PDB file of N, CA and C in Angstrom:
ATOM      1  N   MET A   1     119.939  35.424 139.227  1.00  0.00           N
ATOM      2  CA  MET A   1     120.628  35.413 137.938  1.00  0.00           C
ATOM      3  C   MET A   1     122.129  35.490 138.174  1.00  0.00           C
ATOM      4  N   LYS A   2     122.835  34.534 137.645  1.00  0.00           N
ATOM      5  CA  LYS A   2     124.296  34.552 137.703  1.00  0.00           C
ATOM      6  C   LYS A   2     124.795  35.415 136.551  1.00  0.00           C
ATOM      7  N   TYR A   3     125.837  36.177 136.830  1.00  0.00           N
ATOM      8  CA  TYR A   3     126.393  37.047 135.809  1.00  0.00           C
ATOM      9  C   TYR A   3     127.862  37.268 136.112  1.00  0.00           C
ATOM     10  N   ASN A   4     128.673  37.335 135.054  1.00  0.00           N
ATOM     11  CA  ASN A   4     130.092  37.649 135.180  1.00  0.00           C
ATOM     12  C   ASN A   4     130.443  38.582 134.037  1.00  0.00           C
ATOM     13  N   LYS A   5     130.731  39.813 134.366  1.00  0.00           N
ATOM     14  CA  LYS A   5     130.993  40.844 133.360  1.00  0.00           C
ATOM     15  C   LYS A   5     132.159  40.487 132.441  1.00  0.00           C
ATOM     16  N   ALA A   6     133.160  39.795 132.970  1.00  0.00           N
ATOM     17  CA  ALA A   6     134.336  39.426 132.173  1.00  0.00           C
ATOM     18  C   ALA A   6     134.028  38.331 131.157  1.00  0.00           C
ATOM     19  N   GLN A   7     132.992  37.552 131.429  1.00  0.00           N
ATOM     20  CA  GLN A   7     132.670  36.429 130.548  1.00  0.00           C
ATOM     21  C   GLN A   7     131.430  36.673 129.696  1.00  0.00           C
ATOM     22  N   ASN A   8     130.751  37.771 129.912  1.00  0.00           N
ATOM     23  CA  ASN A   8     129.508  38.030 129.202  1.00  0.00           C
ATOM     24  C   ASN A   8     129.508  39.471 128.713  1.00  0.00           C
ATOM     25  N   GLU A   9     129.614  39.630 127.415  1.00  0.00           N
ATOM     26  CA  GLU A   9     129.671  40.973 126.833  1.00  0.00           C
ATOM     27  C   GLU A   9     128.310  41.494 126.395  1.00  0.00           C
ATOM     28  N   SER A  10     127.247  40.763 126.685  1.00  0.00           N
ATOM     29  CA  SER A  10     125.906  41.172 126.285  1.00  0.00           C
ATOM     30  C   SER A  10     125.438  42.354 127.132  1.00  0.00           C
ATOM     31  N   GLU A  11     125.156  43.464 126.459  1.00  0.00           N
ATOM     32  CA  GLU A  11     124.623  44.638 127.155  1.00  0.00           C
ATOM     33  C   GLU A  11     123.278  44.333 127.793  1.00  0.00           C
ATOM     34  N   GLU A  12     122.482  43.553 127.102  1.00  0.00           N
ATOM     35  CA  GLU A  12     121.160  43.187 127.601  1.00  0.00           C
ATOM     36  C   GLU A  12     121.279  42.412 128.919  1.00  0.00           C
ATOM     37  N   ASP A  13     122.203  41.460 128.980  1.00  0.00           N
ATOM     38  CA  ASP A  13     122.412  40.690 130.215  1.00  0.00           C
ATOM     39  C   ASP A  13     122.948  41.581 131.336  1.00  0.00           C
ATOM     40  N   TYR A  14     123.853  42.490 130.989  1.00  0.00           N
ATOM     41  CA  TYR A  14     124.408  43.413 131.980  1.00  0.00           C
ATOM     42  C   TYR A  14     123.308  44.253 132.609  1.00  0.00           C
ATOM     43  N   PHE A  15     122.474  44.858 131.778  1.00  0.00           N
ATOM     44  CA  PHE A  15     121.411  45.716 132.296  1.00  0.00           C
ATOM     45  C   PHE A  15     120.380  44.917 133.083  1.00  0.00           C
ATOM     46  N   ALA A  16     120.072  43.706 132.628  1.00  0.00           N
ATOM     47  CA  ALA A  16     119.121  42.857 133.350  1.00  0.00           C
ATOM     48  C   ALA A  16     119.682  42.479 134.719  1.00  0.00           C
ATOM     49  N   PHE A  17     120.966  42.113 134.774  1.00  0.00           N
ATOM     50  CA  PHE A  17     121.595  41.771 136.048  1.00  0.00           C
ATOM     51  C   PHE A  17     121.601  42.969 136.990  1.00  0.00           C
ATOM     52  N   CYS A  18     122.006  44.124 136.484  1.00  0.00           N
ATOM     53  CA  CYS A  18     122.073  45.326 137.321  1.00  0.00           C
ATOM     54  C   CYS A  18     120.699  45.701 137.847  1.00  0.00           C
ATOM     55  N   GLU A  19     119.686  45.607 137.019  1.00  0.00           N
ATOM     56  CA  GLU A  19     118.324  45.928 137.461  1.00  0.00           C
ATOM     57  C   GLU A  19     117.876  44.956 138.557  1.00  0.00           C
ATOM     58  N   LEU A  20     118.155  43.682 138.355  1.00  0.00           N
ATOM     59  CA  LEU A  20     117.796  42.681 139.353  1.00  0.00           C
ATOM     60  C   LEU A  20     118.523  42.948 140.668  1.00  0.00           C
ATOM     61  N   LEU A  21     119.816  43.229 140.596  1.00  0.00           N
ATOM     62  CA  LEU A  21     120.612  43.504 141.788  1.00  0.00           C
ATOM     63  C   LEU A  21     120.110  44.767 142.503  1.00  0.00           C
ATOM     64  N   GLU A  22     119.850  45.806 141.751  1.00  0.00           N
ATOM     65  CA  GLU A  22     119.343  47.043 142.347  1.00  0.00           C
ATOM     66  C   GLU A  22     117.997  46.822 143.033  1.00  0.00           C
ATOM     67  N   ASN A  23     117.082  46.153 142.355  1.00  0.00           N
ATOM     68  CA  ASN A  23     115.751  45.950 142.910  1.00  0.00           C
ATOM     69  C   ASN A  23     115.777  45.048 144.139  1.00  0.00           C
ATOM     70  N   LYS A  24     116.595  44.006 144.104  1.00  0.00           N
ATOM     71  CA  LYS A  24     116.732  43.108 145.258  1.00  0.00           C
ATOM     72  C   LYS A  24     117.304  43.869 146.448  1.00  0.00           C
ATOM     73  N   THR A  25     118.331  44.667 146.204  1.00  0.00           N
ATOM     74  CA  THR A  25     118.959  45.425 147.288  1.00  0.00           C
ATOM     75  C   THR A  25     118.002  46.463 147.847  1.00  0.00           C
ATOM     76  N   ALA A  26     117.277  47.157 146.978  1.00  0.00           N
ATOM     77  CA  ALA A  26     116.293  48.142 147.444  1.00  0.00           C
ATOM     78  C   ALA A  26     115.236  47.466 148.309  1.00  0.00           C
ATOM     79  N   SER A  27     114.782  46.298 147.903  1.00  0.00           N
ATOM     80  CA  SER A  27     113.796  45.557 148.686  1.00  0.00           C
ATOM     81  C   SER A  27     114.376  45.156 150.044  1.00  0.00           C
ATOM     82  N   ASP A  28     115.609  44.650 150.040  1.00  0.00           N
ATOM     83  CA  ASP A  28     116.269  44.259 151.286  1.00  0.00           C
ATOM     84  C   ASP A  28     116.424  45.464 152.217  1.00  0.00           C
ATOM     85  N   LEU A  29     116.819  46.601 151.662  1.00  0.00           N
ATOM     86  CA  LEU A  29     117.006  47.804 152.474  1.00  0.00           C
ATOM     87  C   LEU A  29     115.679  48.341 152.998  1.00  0.00           C
ATOM     88  N   ARG A  30     114.648  48.241 152.196  1.00  0.00           N
ATOM     89  CA  ARG A  30     113.315  48.687 152.628  1.00  0.00           C
ATOM     90  C   ARG A  30     112.881  47.862 153.843  1.00  0.00           C
ATOM     91  N   GLN A  31     113.096  46.558 153.777  1.00  0.00           N
ATOM     92  CA  GLN A  31     112.724  45.673 154.885  1.00  0.00           C
ATOM     93  C   GLN A  31     113.622  45.881 156.101  1.00  0.00           C
ATOM     94  N   ALA A  32     114.840  46.362 155.877  1.00  0.00           N
ATOM     95  CA  ALA A  32     115.822  46.519 156.954  1.00  0.00           C
ATOM     96  C   ALA A  32     115.716  47.859 157.676  1.00  0.00           C
ATOM     97  N   LYS A  33     114.904  48.751 157.188  1.00  0.00           N
ATOM     98  CA  LYS A  33     114.816  50.098 157.782  1.00  0.00           C
ATOM     99  C   LYS A  33     114.777  50.038 159.301  1.00  0.00           C
ATOM    100  N   GLY A  34     115.651  50.827 159.919  1.00  0.00           N
ATOM    101  CA  GLY A  34     115.679  50.911 161.365  1.00  0.00           C
ATOM    102  C   GLY A  34     116.471  49.810 162.056  1.00  0.00           C
ATOM    103  N   ASP A  35     116.965  48.840 161.304  1.00  0.00           N
ATOM    104  CA  ASP A  35     117.717  47.713 161.866  1.00  0.00           C
ATOM    105  C   ASP A  35     119.135  47.740 161.286  1.00  0.00           C
ATOM    106  N   LYS A  36     120.070  48.307 162.046  1.00  0.00           N
ATOM    107  CA  LYS A  36     121.435  48.502 161.560  1.00  0.00           C
ATOM    108  C   LYS A  36     122.072  47.201 161.078  1.00  0.00           C
ATOM    109  N   ASP A  37     121.898  46.119 161.809  1.00  0.00           N
ATOM    110  CA  ASP A  37     122.492  44.842 161.405  1.00  0.00           C
ATOM    111  C   ASP A  37     121.924  44.356 160.074  1.00  0.00           C
ATOM    112  N   ALA A  38     120.627  44.532 159.883  1.00  0.00           N
ATOM    113  CA  ALA A  38     119.990  44.121 158.632  1.00  0.00           C
ATOM    114  C   ALA A  38     120.439  45.011 157.470  1.00  0.00           C
ATOM    115  N   ILE A  39     120.644  46.290 157.736  1.00  0.00           N
ATOM    116  CA  ILE A  39     121.146  47.198 156.697  1.00  0.00           C
ATOM    117  C   ILE A  39     122.561  46.786 156.303  1.00  0.00           C
ATOM    118  N   ILE A  40     123.389  46.483 157.294  1.00  0.00           N
ATOM    119  CA  ILE A  40     124.759  46.024 157.017  1.00  0.00           C
ATOM    120  C   ILE A  40     124.721  44.747 156.190  1.00  0.00           C
ATOM    121  N   ALA A  41     123.844  43.824 156.538  1.00  0.00           N
ATOM    122  CA  ALA A  41     123.728  42.567 155.786  1.00  0.00           C
ATOM    123  C   ALA A  41     123.309  42.832 154.342  1.00  0.00           C
ATOM    124  N   ALA A  42     122.353  43.743 154.142  1.00  0.00           N
ATOM    125  CA  ALA A  42     121.883  44.056 152.785  1.00  0.00           C
ATOM    126  C   ALA A  42     122.997  44.687 151.949  1.00  0.00           C
ATOM    127  N   ILE A  43     123.736  45.597 152.552  1.00  0.00           N
ATOM    128  CA  ILE A  43     124.841  46.247 151.837  1.00  0.00           C
ATOM    129  C   ILE A  43     125.939  45.243 151.525  1.00  0.00           C
ATOM    130  N   THR A  44     126.253  44.389 152.482  1.00  0.00           N
ATOM    131  CA  THR A  44     127.291  43.375 152.279  1.00  0.00           C
ATOM    132  C   THR A  44     126.905  42.427 151.149  1.00  0.00           C
ATOM    133  N   THR A  45     125.670  41.969 151.154  1.00  0.00           N
ATOM    134  CA  THR A  45     125.190  41.083 150.084  1.00  0.00           C
ATOM    135  C   THR A  45     125.264  41.778 148.733  1.00  0.00           C
ATOM    136  N   TYR A  46     124.862  43.031 148.696  1.00  0.00           N
ATOM    137  CA  TYR A  46     124.919  43.822 147.462  1.00  0.00           C
ATOM    138  C   TYR A  46     126.344  43.895 146.925  1.00  0.00           C
ATOM    139  N   LEU A  47     127.275  44.265 147.788  1.00  0.00           N
ATOM    140  CA  LEU A  47     128.667  44.410 147.350  1.00  0.00           C
ATOM    141  C   LEU A  47     129.273  43.069 146.951  1.00  0.00           C
ATOM    142  N   GLU A  48     129.030  42.031 147.727  1.00  0.00           N
ATOM    143  CA  GLU A  48     129.567  40.708 147.389  1.00  0.00           C
ATOM    144  C   GLU A  48     129.012  40.218 146.050  1.00  0.00           C
ATOM    145  N   THR A  49     127.727  40.411 145.830  1.00  0.00           N
ATOM    146  CA  THR A  49     127.112  39.991 144.569  1.00  0.00           C
ATOM    147  C   THR A  49     127.696  40.790 143.410  1.00  0.00           C
ATOM    148  N   GLY A  50     127.834  42.089 143.592  1.00  0.00           N
ATOM    149  CA  GLY A  50     128.395  42.937 142.540  1.00  0.00           C
ATOM    150  C   GLY A  50     129.843  42.603 142.238  1.00  0.00           C
ATOM    151  N   TYR A  51     130.647  42.452 143.277  1.00  0.00           N
ATOM    152  CA  TYR A  51     132.055  42.125 143.055  1.00  0.00           C
ATOM    153  C   TYR A  51     132.230  40.724 142.479  1.00  0.00           C
ATOM    154  N   ASN A  52     131.386  39.776 142.877  1.00  0.00           N
ATOM    155  CA  ASN A  52     131.435  38.432 142.282  1.00  0.00           C
ATOM    156  C   ASN A  52     131.128  38.476 140.790  1.00  0.00           C
ATOM    157  N   ALA A  53     130.309  39.424 140.387  1.00  0.00           N
ATOM    158  CA  ALA A  53     129.955  39.589 138.977  1.00  0.00           C
ATOM    159  C   ALA A  53     130.992  40.433 138.226  1.00  0.00           C
ATOM    160  N   LEU A  54     132.030  40.861 138.951  1.00  0.00           N
ATOM    161  CA  LEU A  54     133.117  41.689 138.416  1.00  0.00           C
ATOM    162  C   LEU A  54     132.674  43.094 138.027  1.00  0.00           C
ATOM    163  N   LEU A  55     131.656  43.603 138.727  1.00  0.00           N
ATOM    164  CA  LEU A  55     131.307  45.008 138.565  1.00  0.00           C
ATOM    165  C   LEU A  55     132.360  45.826 139.306  1.00  0.00           C
ATOM    166  N   SER A  56     132.589  47.031 138.855  1.00  0.00           N
ATOM    167  CA  SER A  56     133.604  47.880 139.485  1.00  0.00           C
ATOM    168  C   SER A  56     133.035  48.568 140.721  1.00  0.00           C
ATOM    169  N   SER A  57     133.933  49.033 141.558  1.00  0.00           N
ATOM    170  CA  SER A  57     133.544  49.794 142.736  1.00  0.00           C
ATOM    171  C   SER A  57     132.765  51.043 142.313  1.00  0.00           C
ATOM    172  N   GLY A  58     133.186  51.672 141.229  1.00  0.00           N
ATOM    173  CA  GLY A  58     132.500  52.857 140.719  1.00  0.00           C
ATOM    174  C   GLY A  58     131.073  52.570 140.291  1.00  0.00           C
ATOM    175  N   GLU A  59     130.881  51.440 139.604  1.00  0.00           N
ATOM    176  CA  GLU A  59     129.528  51.065 139.196  1.00  0.00           C
ATOM    177  C   GLU A  59     128.647  50.846 140.418  1.00  0.00           C
ATOM    178  N   LEU A  60     129.188  50.139 141.400  1.00  0.00           N
ATOM    179  CA  LEU A  60     128.389  49.796 142.574  1.00  0.00           C
ATOM    180  C   LEU A  60     128.005  51.021 143.389  1.00  0.00           C
ATOM    181  N   VAL A  61     128.940  51.940 143.586  1.00  0.00           N
ATOM    182  CA  VAL A  61     128.594  53.150 144.348  1.00  0.00           C
ATOM    183  C   VAL A  61     127.603  54.005 143.561  1.00  0.00           C
ATOM    184  N   ASP A  62     127.747  54.034 142.243  1.00  0.00           N
ATOM    185  CA  ASP A  62     126.822  54.801 141.414  1.00  0.00           C
ATOM    186  C   ASP A  62     125.407  54.265 141.557  1.00  0.00           C
ATOM    187  N   PHE A  63     125.250  52.962 141.428  1.00  0.00           N
ATOM    188  CA  PHE A  63     123.914  52.368 141.562  1.00  0.00           C
ATOM    189  C   PHE A  63     123.357  52.595 142.965  1.00  0.00           C
ATOM    190  N   PHE A  64     124.231  52.512 143.971  1.00  0.00           N
ATOM    191  CA  PHE A  64     123.785  52.576 145.359  1.00  0.00           C
ATOM    192  C   PHE A  64     123.263  53.954 145.748  1.00  0.00           C
ATOM    193  N   CYS A  65     124.021  55.009 145.384  1.00  0.00           N
ATOM    194  CA  CYS A  65     123.629  56.316 145.930  1.00  0.00           C
ATOM    195  C   CYS A  65     123.835  57.509 145.003  1.00  0.00           C
ATOM    196  N   VAL A  66     124.262  57.297 143.767  1.00  0.00           N
ATOM    197  CA  VAL A  66     124.538  58.432 142.896  1.00  0.00           C
ATOM    198  C   VAL A  66     123.487  58.570 141.795  1.00  0.00           C
ATOM    199  N   SER A  67     123.245  57.489 141.063  1.00  0.00           N
ATOM    200  CA  SER A  67     122.325  57.556 139.932  1.00  0.00           C
ATOM    201  C   SER A  67     120.908  57.856 140.408  1.00  0.00           C
ATOM    202  N   THR A  68     120.090  58.294 139.491  1.00  0.00           N
ATOM    203  CA  THR A  68     118.708  58.607 139.812  1.00  0.00           C
ATOM    204  C   THR A  68     117.787  57.729 138.984  1.00  0.00           C
ATOM    205  N   PRO A  69     116.936  56.933 139.590  1.00  0.00           N
ATOM    206  CA  PRO A  69     116.859  56.734 141.030  1.00  0.00           C
ATOM    207  C   PRO A  69     117.942  55.761 141.498  1.00  0.00           C
ATOM    208  N   SER A  70     118.499  56.057 142.637  1.00  0.00           N
ATOM    209  CA  SER A  70     119.503  55.176 143.222  1.00  0.00           C
ATOM    210  C   SER A  70     118.792  54.045 143.980  1.00  0.00           C
ATOM    211  N   ILE A  71     119.568  53.088 144.427  1.00  0.00           N
ATOM    212  CA  ILE A  71     119.011  52.015 145.253  1.00  0.00           C
ATOM    213  C   ILE A  71     118.359  52.611 146.502  1.00  0.00           C
ATOM    214  N   LEU A  72     119.017  53.586 147.097  1.00  0.00           N
ATOM    215  CA  LEU A  72     118.465  54.207 148.296  1.00  0.00           C
ATOM    216  C   LEU A  72     117.156  54.933 147.998  1.00  0.00           C
ATOM    217  N   ASP A  73     117.059  55.547 146.816  1.00  0.00           N
ATOM    218  CA  ASP A  73     115.797  56.174 146.401  1.00  0.00           C
ATOM    219  C   ASP A  73     114.710  55.111 146.272  1.00  0.00           C
ATOM    220  N   LYS A  74     115.062  54.009 145.603  1.00  0.00           N
ATOM    221  CA  LYS A  74     114.096  52.923 145.393  1.00  0.00           C
ATOM    222  C   LYS A  74     113.656  52.305 146.715  1.00  0.00           C
ATOM    223  N   ALA A  75     114.524  52.326 147.706  1.00  0.00           N
ATOM    224  CA  ALA A  75     114.202  51.772 149.022  1.00  0.00           C
ATOM    225  C   ALA A  75     113.338  52.730 149.838  1.00  0.00           C
ATOM    226  N   GLY A  76     113.186  53.958 149.356  1.00  0.00           N
ATOM    227  CA  GLY A  76     112.359  54.937 150.055  1.00  0.00           C
ATOM    228  C   GLY A  76     113.032  55.538 151.277  1.00  0.00           C
ATOM    229  N   TYR A  77     114.364  55.585 151.271  1.00  0.00           N
ATOM    230  CA  TYR A  77     115.093  56.121 152.416  1.00  0.00           C
ATOM    231  C   TYR A  77     115.021  57.645 152.433  1.00  0.00           C
ATOM    232  N   SER A  78     114.816  58.180 153.624  1.00  0.00           N
ATOM    233  CA  SER A  78     114.855  59.632 153.816  1.00  0.00           C
ATOM    234  C   SER A  78     116.313  60.074 153.680  1.00  0.00           C
ATOM    235  N   GLU A  79     116.523  61.380 153.666  1.00  0.00           N
ATOM    236  CA  GLU A  79     117.883  61.900 153.565  1.00  0.00           C
ATOM    237  C   GLU A  79     118.746  61.406 154.731  1.00  0.00           C
ATOM    238  N   GLU A  80     118.198  61.426 155.932  1.00  0.00           N
ATOM    239  CA  GLU A  80     118.939  60.956 157.114  1.00  0.00           C
ATOM    240  C   GLU A  80     119.244  59.463 157.031  1.00  0.00           C
ATOM    241  N   GLU A  81     118.256  58.684 156.626  1.00  0.00           N
ATOM    242  CA  GLU A  81     118.455  57.234 156.488  1.00  0.00           C
ATOM    243  C   GLU A  81     119.493  56.939 155.415  1.00  0.00           C
ATOM    244  N   ALA A  82     119.439  57.683 154.316  1.00  0.00           N
ATOM    245  CA  ALA A  82     120.397  57.492 153.233  1.00  0.00           C
ATOM    246  C   ALA A  82     121.809  57.836 153.692  1.00  0.00           C
ATOM    247  N   GLU A  83     121.946  58.923 154.434  1.00  0.00           N
ATOM    248  CA  GLU A  83     123.276  59.306 154.931  1.00  0.00           C
ATOM    249  C   GLU A  83     123.866  58.215 155.818  1.00  0.00           C
ATOM    250  N   GLU A  84     123.052  57.626 156.679  1.00  0.00           N
ATOM    251  CA  GLU A  84     123.523  56.537 157.545  1.00  0.00           C
ATOM    252  C   GLU A  84     123.892  55.299 156.718  1.00  0.00           C
ATOM    253  N   ALA A  85     123.081  54.974 155.719  1.00  0.00           N
ATOM    254  CA  ALA A  85     123.371  53.820 154.864  1.00  0.00           C
ATOM    255  C   ALA A  85     124.668  54.051 154.081  1.00  0.00           C
ATOM    256  N   ILE A  86     124.883  55.259 153.621  1.00  0.00           N
ATOM    257  CA  ILE A  86     126.114  55.578 152.885  1.00  0.00           C
ATOM    258  C   ILE A  86     127.315  55.485 153.818  1.00  0.00           C
ATOM    259  N   ARG A  87     127.160  55.939 155.050  1.00  0.00           N
ATOM    260  CA  ARG A  87     128.243  55.824 156.031  1.00  0.00           C
ATOM    261  C   ARG A  87     128.599  54.348 156.247  1.00  0.00           C
ATOM    262  N   LEU A  88     127.585  53.511 156.381  1.00  0.00           N
ATOM    263  CA  LEU A  88     127.820  52.075 156.561  1.00  0.00           C
ATOM    264  C   LEU A  88     128.469  51.479 155.310  1.00  0.00           C
ATOM    265  N   TYR A  89     127.988  51.872 154.143  1.00  0.00           N
ATOM    266  CA  TYR A  89     128.564  51.414 152.876  1.00  0.00           C
ATOM    267  C   TYR A  89     130.052  51.753 152.842  1.00  0.00           C
ATOM    268  N   ASP A  90     130.383  52.992 153.217  1.00  0.00           N
ATOM    269  CA  ASP A  90     131.780  53.438 153.202  1.00  0.00           C
ATOM    270  C   ASP A  90     132.645  52.663 154.194  1.00  0.00           C
ATOM    271  N   GLU A  91     132.052  52.160 155.256  1.00  0.00           N
ATOM    272  CA  GLU A  91     132.791  51.345 156.224  1.00  0.00           C
ATOM    273  C   GLU A  91     132.994  49.919 155.714  1.00  0.00           C
ATOM    274  N   ILE A  92     131.987  49.383 155.055  1.00  0.00           N
ATOM    275  CA  ILE A  92     132.000  47.983 154.610  1.00  0.00           C
ATOM    276  C   ILE A  92     132.819  47.799 153.337  1.00  0.00           C
ATOM    277  N   ASN A  93     132.682  48.726 152.403  1.00  0.00           N
ATOM    278  CA  ASN A  93     133.242  48.557 151.067  1.00  0.00           C
ATOM    279  C   ASN A  93     134.750  48.304 151.016  1.00  0.00           C
ATOM    280  N   PRO A  94     135.586  49.041 151.723  1.00  0.00           N
ATOM    281  CA  PRO A  94     137.030  48.824 151.557  1.00  0.00           C
ATOM    282  C   PRO A  94     137.478  47.384 151.844  1.00  0.00           C
ATOM    283  N   GLY A  95     136.953  46.775 152.865  1.00  0.00           N
ATOM    284  CA  GLY A  95     137.327  45.405 153.194  1.00  0.00           C
ATOM    285  C   GLY A  95     136.882  44.418 152.138  1.00  0.00           C
ATOM    286  N   LEU A  96     135.667  44.598 151.643  1.00  0.00           N
ATOM    287  CA  LEU A  96     135.175  43.699 150.596  1.00  0.00           C
ATOM    288  C   LEU A  96     135.909  43.934 149.290  1.00  0.00           C
ATOM    289  N   PHE A  97     136.139  45.182 148.953  1.00  0.00           N
ATOM    290  CA  PHE A  97     136.869  45.494 147.725  1.00  0.00           C
ATOM    291  C   PHE A  97     138.243  44.827 147.764  1.00  0.00           C
ATOM    292  N   GLY A  98     138.926  44.949 148.894  1.00  0.00           N
ATOM    293  CA  GLY A  98     140.248  44.350 149.043  1.00  0.00           C
ATOM    294  C   GLY A  98     140.223  42.845 148.925  1.00  0.00           C
ATOM    295  N   ARG A  99     139.138  42.234 149.376  1.00  0.00           N
ATOM    296  CA  ARG A  99     139.012  40.776 149.272  1.00  0.00           C
ATOM    297  C   ARG A  99     138.820  40.320 147.828  1.00  0.00           C
ATOM    298  N   PHE A 100     138.072  41.099 147.052  1.00  0.00           N
ATOM    299  CA  PHE A 100     137.793  40.712 145.676  1.00  0.00           C
ATOM    300  C   PHE A 100     138.836  41.215 144.690  1.00  0.00           C
ATOM    301  N   TYR A 101     139.463  42.320 145.006  1.00  0.00           N
ATOM    302  CA  TYR A 101     140.447  42.915 144.123  1.00  0.00           C
ATOM    303  C   TYR A 101     141.743  43.140 144.895  1.00  0.00           C
ATOM    304  N   SER A 102     142.335  42.068 145.341  1.00  0.00           N
ATOM    305  CA  SER A 102     143.518  42.156 146.207  1.00  0.00           C
ATOM    306  C   SER A 102     144.741  42.712 145.492  1.00  0.00           C
ATOM    307  N   ASP A 103     144.741  42.759 144.178  1.00  0.00           N
ATOM    308  CA  ASP A 103     145.882  43.295 143.427  1.00  0.00           C
ATOM    309  C   ASP A 103     145.909  44.810 143.442  1.00  0.00           C
ATOM    310  N   ASN A 104     144.801  45.456 143.854  1.00  0.00           N
ATOM    311  CA  ASN A 104     144.718  46.927 143.818  1.00  0.00           C
ATOM    312  C   ASN A 104     145.031  47.536 145.149  1.00  0.00           C
TER     313      ASN A 104
END
């Protein structure tokens, strides 16, 4: 599903897009368990898709590891696995954020 928050004010479309993105990422992370490169790829795809849709960094981090259930919860990650995924997210995010929001 293509979505652009700046061009689509429908709450229904926003929630549908976010649910699809969360579920796809959780599935990707579930399949990537134990494979650092695959986890990095899943996180990168998640962030690129979210930023392309003009979601904010705050929204993306909330969906990833703050809200309940988070993407990491949906992926079935243990506390240790989640901590490692969050560490990787924190390494990947600044570069991608800067690429999509270079004015900030």
